Amino acid sequence: MRGEQAWQRDKAEFVRSAGSRAAGPGDTEFKRRRGDFGPLAAQFATLAAQLFSAGTAADVLDTIIHAAAALAPEADFVSITMRKNETEFETPVTTDELALQLDQAQYELQEGPCVDATRRGGSGISADPDLAESDQWPKFGPAAAELGVRSVLCFGLMPAAPTPRLGALNFYAREPRALLDVDRDTGLLLAAHAGAALAAARSVEAADLRAAQLEEALLSRDVIGQAKGMLMAQRGITAAQAFDVLRTASQYLNVKLAAIAEAIASRRVEL
């Protein structure tokens, strides 16, 4: 066991060295107190602003793929996996056609790093330094090696989220062990930012779609009401009978009921 004198000596050394670092102009904590950021924090602050100012999910994906390529220059290409449902995936954006082939192979085989990073719990990291020698994915590993790709590193989007996740951020390299120096903490940060921004963008798009559908439904209801009124006046029939006329015409002509109603309301046709 360490003696009390050793602990006191270590404590004094820590205080001394911390004090000398705080006084220096290059110290991160010193800069932070002045309102400055370190280079990594500044990069992620800029990235966060870019992600959340992106207009659509497609814009978010484009921002992520460029940030990922800059994060890991060791990777030959990068892709993003998005989960469609429990068993289906898609690759909406990639830096190289070969990455798309690798992703598609995993989707078809239902095994591989991007599938695992999406489905499995834990940190959300799925990697292999040499796919040619690994038995981690008995089908995908040899297939990737045959395509000339030996290294892979994937981060599940929103790493701490319950599984299955939204998808995964995928890095590929032709050389074995090429991705070992990629900072995994930084990769997890990027995946977390990406997942949150994508979820937000998709929610906004879904809300916009629901609003548009509601507006269309309200307009259709108004037009149908106008057409019913005109038929009631022309034929001396009830509202229910007028709606039956519209429905019968829609089925006979194989045209949406709202389109029939709009044509009658605008007096382009008569029934």
Protein backbone atom coordinates (compact mmCIF):
# COMPACT_ATOMS: atom_id res chain seq x y z
CA MET A 1 0.00 0.00 0.00
CA ARG A 2 1.10 3.55 -0.67
CA GLY A 3 2.18 5.58 2.34
CA GLU A 4 0.71 8.89 3.44
CA GLN A 5 3.87 10.73 2.39
CA ALA A 6 3.57 9.36 -1.16
CA TRP A 7 -0.05 10.49 -1.42
CA GLN A 8 0.84 13.97 -0.15
CA ARG A 9 3.72 14.20 -2.62
CA ASP A 10 1.47 13.22 -5.54
CA LYS A 11 -1.17 15.68 -4.41
CA ALA A 12 1.33 18.51 -4.21
CA GLU A 13 2.68 17.68 -7.66
CA PHE A 14 -0.83 17.65 -9.11
CA VAL A 15 -1.66 21.05 -7.59
CA ARG A 16 1.63 22.51 -8.80
CA SER A 17 1.26 21.23 -12.35
CA ALA A 18 -2.41 22.25 -12.52
CA GLY A 19 -1.52 25.74 -11.38
CA SER A 20 1.19 26.11 -13.99
CA ARG A 21 -1.17 24.90 -16.74
CA ALA A 22 -3.91 27.31 -15.70
CA ALA A 23 -1.52 30.24 -15.94
CA GLY A 24 -0.46 29.35 -19.48
CA PRO A 25 -2.16 30.84 -22.54
CA GLY A 26 -2.53 27.43 -24.18
CA ASP A 27 -4.53 25.83 -21.37
CA THR A 28 -8.00 24.65 -22.38
CA GLU A 29 -9.65 25.47 -19.05
CA PHE A 30 -8.04 28.92 -19.08
CA LYS A 31 -9.43 29.51 -22.57
CA ARG A 32 -12.85 28.24 -21.56
CA ARG A 33 -13.04 30.73 -18.71
CA ARG A 34 -12.32 33.46 -21.24
CA GLY A 35 -15.24 32.26 -23.35
CA ASP A 36 -13.14 30.43 -25.96
CA PHE A 37 -13.44 26.80 -27.08
CA GLY A 38 -10.93 24.09 -27.78
CA PRO A 39 -10.69 22.97 -31.43
CA LEU A 40 -12.90 19.86 -30.99
CA ALA A 41 -15.59 21.76 -29.08
CA ALA A 42 -15.53 24.51 -31.70
CA GLN A 43 -15.95 21.95 -34.50
CA PHE A 44 -18.93 20.30 -32.84
CA ALA A 45 -20.51 23.65 -31.99
CA THR A 46 -20.28 24.56 -35.68
CA LEU A 47 -21.57 21.14 -36.72
CA ALA A 48 -24.54 21.37 -34.35
CA ALA A 49 -25.47 24.77 -35.80
CA GLN A 50 -25.22 23.38 -39.35
CA LEU A 51 -27.26 20.29 -38.54
CA PHE A 52 -30.12 22.06 -36.84
CA SER A 53 -30.29 24.81 -39.46
CA ALA A 54 -30.55 22.25 -42.27
CA GLY A 55 -33.91 22.49 -43.99
CA THR A 56 -34.66 18.81 -44.59
CA ALA A 57 -33.52 15.34 -43.57
CA ALA A 58 -31.67 15.16 -46.90
CA ASP A 59 -29.73 18.31 -45.98
CA VAL A 60 -28.90 16.81 -42.58
CA LEU A 61 -27.62 13.61 -44.20
CA ASP A 62 -25.43 15.59 -46.59
CA THR A 63 -23.94 17.58 -43.69
CA ILE A 64 -23.27 14.40 -41.69
CA ILE A 65 -21.53 12.54 -44.51
CA HIS A 66 -19.13 15.44 -45.13
CA ALA A 67 -18.42 15.82 -41.40
CA ALA A 68 -17.78 12.07 -41.12
CA ALA A 69 -15.33 12.07 -44.01
CA ALA A 70 -13.43 14.91 -42.35
CA LEU A 71 -13.48 13.14 -38.99
CA ALA A 72 -11.85 9.96 -40.30
CA PRO A 73 -9.44 10.65 -43.19
CA GLU A 74 -8.19 7.09 -42.64
CA ALA A 75 -11.46 5.81 -44.16
CA ASP A 76 -11.61 5.33 -47.90
CA PHE A 77 -15.36 5.86 -47.96
CA VAL A 78 -18.30 6.57 -45.65
CA SER A 79 -22.00 5.74 -45.75
CA ILE A 80 -25.10 6.19 -43.63
CA THR A 81 -27.53 3.37 -42.93
CA MET A 82 -31.15 4.21 -42.15
CA ARG A 83 -33.58 1.67 -40.73
CA LYS A 84 -36.88 1.38 -42.62
CA ASN A 85 -38.44 -1.21 -40.27
CA GLU A 86 -37.35 -4.16 -38.15
CA THR A 87 -35.74 -6.04 -41.03
CA GLU A 88 -35.22 -3.53 -43.85
CA PHE A 89 -32.52 -0.87 -44.24
CA GLU A 90 -31.45 1.64 -46.86
CA THR A 91 -28.40 3.77 -47.65
CA PRO A 92 -29.59 7.30 -48.52
CA VAL A 93 -26.12 8.82 -48.86
CA THR A 94 -22.56 7.61 -49.39
CA THR A 95 -19.21 8.91 -50.58
CA ASP A 96 -18.56 5.96 -52.91
CA GLU A 97 -20.53 3.38 -54.86
CA LEU A 98 -18.52 0.58 -53.23
CA ALA A 99 -19.81 1.61 -49.80
CA LEU A 100 -23.34 1.21 -51.14
CA GLN A 101 -22.49 -2.32 -52.32
CA LEU A 102 -21.10 -3.18 -48.88
CA ASP A 103 -24.20 -1.85 -47.15
CA GLN A 104 -26.54 -3.67 -49.53
CA ALA A 105 -24.69 -6.93 -48.94
CA GLN A 106 -25.32 -6.57 -45.20
CA TYR A 107 -29.00 -5.81 -45.72
CA GLU A 108 -29.44 -8.89 -47.88
CA LEU A 109 -27.43 -11.15 -45.58
CA GLN A 110 -29.01 -9.64 -42.45
CA GLU A 111 -25.58 -9.51 -40.81
CA GLY A 112 -22.66 -7.12 -40.64
CA PRO A 113 -21.39 -4.09 -38.74
CA CYS A 114 -23.99 -1.52 -39.79
CA VAL A 115 -26.81 -3.96 -39.04
CA ASP A 116 -25.32 -4.74 -35.62
CA ALA A 117 -24.72 -1.05 -34.83
CA THR A 118 -28.40 -0.40 -35.53
CA ARG A 119 -29.90 -3.40 -33.76
CA ARG A 120 -27.67 -4.22 -30.82
CA GLY A 121 -27.57 -2.51 -27.45
CA GLY A 122 -24.52 -1.17 -25.68
CA SER A 123 -22.28 1.56 -27.06
CA GLY A 124 -23.49 1.18 -30.62
CA ILE A 125 -19.96 0.60 -31.93
CA SER A 126 -19.39 -2.28 -34.33
CA ALA A 127 -15.95 -2.82 -35.84
CA ASP A 128 -13.45 -5.28 -37.26
CA PRO A 129 -9.79 -4.53 -38.06
CA ASP A 130 -9.51 -7.24 -40.72
CA LEU A 131 -12.61 -8.67 -42.33
CA ALA A 132 -10.58 -11.21 -44.28
CA GLU A 133 -9.43 -12.96 -41.09
CA SER A 134 -12.47 -12.41 -38.88
CA ASP A 135 -15.23 -14.89 -38.07
CA GLN A 136 -17.42 -12.15 -36.57
CA TRP A 137 -19.63 -12.06 -39.68
CA PRO A 138 -19.13 -15.39 -41.48
CA LYS A 139 -21.00 -14.30 -44.62
CA PHE A 140 -20.31 -10.57 -44.83
CA GLY A 141 -16.62 -10.70 -43.87
CA PRO A 142 -15.48 -12.79 -46.87
CA ALA A 143 -17.82 -10.85 -49.19
CA ALA A 144 -16.29 -7.53 -48.11
CA ALA A 145 -12.75 -8.86 -48.42
CA GLU A 146 -13.53 -10.10 -51.92
CA LEU A 147 -14.55 -6.53 -52.82
CA GLY A 148 -11.17 -5.34 -51.53
CA VAL A 149 -12.35 -3.88 -48.21
CA ARG A 150 -10.64 -5.08 -45.04
CA SER A 151 -11.50 -2.60 -42.24
CA VAL A 152 -14.84 -1.38 -40.94
CA LEU A 153 -16.01 0.85 -38.10
CA CYS A 154 -19.69 1.69 -37.51
CA PHE A 155 -21.40 3.92 -34.96
CA GLY A 156 -25.09 3.53 -34.23
CA LEU A 157 -27.01 6.80 -34.61
CA MET A 158 -28.02 8.10 -31.17
CA PRO A 159 -25.73 5.58 -29.41
CA ALA A 160 -27.46 5.70 -26.01
CA ALA A 161 -30.96 5.35 -27.48
CA PRO A 162 -33.00 2.15 -27.12
CA THR A 163 -32.54 -0.34 -29.93
CA PRO A 164 -33.23 -0.59 -32.73
CA ARG A 165 -31.62 2.76 -33.50
CA LEU A 166 -32.35 5.06 -36.43
CA GLY A 167 -29.39 3.64 -38.33
CA ALA A 168 -25.61 3.78 -38.38
CA LEU A 169 -22.65 5.84 -39.56
CA ASN A 170 -20.27 3.54 -41.44
CA PHE A 171 -16.54 3.88 -42.19
CA TYR A 172 -14.74 1.51 -44.58
CA ALA A 173 -11.07 1.14 -45.53
CA ARG A 174 -9.29 -1.06 -48.03
CA GLU A 175 -6.30 -1.79 -45.79
CA PRO A 176 -6.50 -3.97 -42.66
CA ARG A 177 -6.29 -2.15 -39.30
CA ALA A 178 -6.55 1.19 -41.12
CA LEU A 179 -9.29 2.50 -38.81
CA LEU A 180 -7.72 1.64 -35.46
CA ASP A 181 -6.61 5.25 -34.89
CA VAL A 182 -10.05 6.77 -35.48
CA ASP A 183 -11.11 8.44 -32.22
CA ARG A 184 -14.14 6.45 -31.08
CA ASP A 185 -15.27 9.04 -28.55
CA THR A 186 -15.41 11.63 -31.33
CA GLY A 187 -17.24 9.14 -33.55
CA LEU A 188 -19.85 8.57 -30.84
CA LEU A 189 -20.30 12.33 -30.47
CA LEU A 190 -20.81 12.69 -34.20
CA ALA A 191 -23.29 9.80 -34.23
CA ALA A 192 -25.20 11.34 -31.33
CA HIS A 193 -25.39 14.73 -33.06
CA ALA A 194 -26.39 13.08 -36.32
CA GLY A 195 -29.09 10.93 -34.75
CA ALA A 196 -30.64 13.81 -32.85
CA ALA A 197 -30.64 16.10 -35.90
CA LEU A 198 -32.11 13.40 -38.16
CA ALA A 199 -34.85 12.58 -35.65
CA ALA A 200 -35.72 16.27 -35.38
CA ALA A 201 -35.74 16.76 -39.16
CA ARG A 202 -37.92 13.72 -39.73
CA SER A 203 -40.34 14.88 -37.03
CA VAL A 204 -40.64 18.28 -38.69
CA GLU A 205 -41.19 16.69 -42.09
CA ALA A 206 -43.83 14.37 -40.64
CA ALA A 207 -45.57 17.32 -38.98
CA ASP A 208 -45.49 19.26 -42.25
CA LEU A 209 -46.93 16.26 -44.08
CA ARG A 210 -49.72 15.86 -41.53
CA ALA A 211 -50.50 19.57 -41.81
CA ALA A 212 -50.61 19.36 -45.60
CA GLN A 213 -52.82 16.26 -45.47
CA LEU A 214 -55.15 17.96 -43.00
CA GLU A 215 -55.37 21.04 -45.21
CA GLU A 216 -56.08 18.86 -48.23
CA ALA A 217 -58.75 16.96 -46.31
CA LEU A 218 -60.44 20.18 -45.22
CA LEU A 219 -60.40 21.53 -48.78
CA SER A 220 -61.78 18.25 -50.10
CA ARG A 221 -64.55 18.31 -47.50
CA ASP A 222 -65.51 21.84 -48.53
CA VAL A 223 -65.56 20.93 -52.25
CA ILE A 224 -67.60 17.79 -51.59
CA GLY A 225 -70.05 19.88 -49.58
CA GLN A 226 -70.40 22.34 -52.45
CA ALA A 227 -70.97 19.55 -54.98
CA LYS A 228 -73.55 17.89 -52.74
CA GLY A 229 -75.39 21.20 -52.39
CA MET A 230 -75.49 21.70 -56.12
CA LEU A 231 -76.81 18.16 -56.72
CA MET A 232 -79.44 18.59 -54.03
CA ALA A 233 -80.63 21.81 -55.65
CA GLN A 234 -80.56 20.40 -59.18
CA ARG A 235 -82.26 17.08 -58.43
CA GLY A 236 -84.27 17.80 -55.31
CA ILE A 237 -82.55 15.00 -53.39
CA THR A 238 -81.23 14.66 -49.84
CA ALA A 239 -77.63 15.12 -48.74
CA ALA A 240 -77.21 11.35 -48.35
CA GLN A 241 -78.57 10.74 -51.84
CA ALA A 242 -76.28 13.43 -53.29
CA PHE A 243 -73.26 11.76 -51.66
CA ASP A 244 -74.34 8.40 -53.12
CA VAL A 245 -74.41 10.01 -56.58
CA LEU A 246 -70.85 11.27 -56.09
CA ARG A 247 -69.63 7.91 -54.78
CA THR A 248 -71.22 5.99 -57.64
CA ALA A 249 -69.65 8.34 -60.21
CA SER A 250 -66.25 7.98 -58.52
CA GLN A 251 -66.40 4.18 -58.64
CA TYR A 252 -67.69 4.07 -62.22
CA LEU A 253 -65.10 6.51 -63.59
CA ASN A 254 -62.29 5.26 -61.28
CA VAL A 255 -61.62 8.85 -60.23
CA LYS A 256 -61.25 10.11 -56.68
CA LEU A 257 -64.48 11.35 -55.16
CA ALA A 258 -62.91 14.72 -54.33
CA ALA A 259 -61.90 15.19 -57.98
CA ILE A 260 -65.49 14.45 -59.10
CA ALA A 261 -66.80 16.93 -56.54
CA GLU A 262 -64.32 19.61 -57.62
CA ALA A 263 -65.38 19.20 -61.27
CA ILE A 264 -69.06 19.59 -60.33
CA ALA A 265 -68.43 22.54 -57.99
CA SER A 266 -66.47 24.36 -60.70
CA ARG A 267 -69.33 23.55 -63.16
CA ARG A 268 -67.00 21.69 -65.55
CA VAL A 269 -69.30 18.65 -65.55
CA GLU A 270 -72.86 17.74 -64.67
CA LEU A 271 -74.10 14.41 -63.34
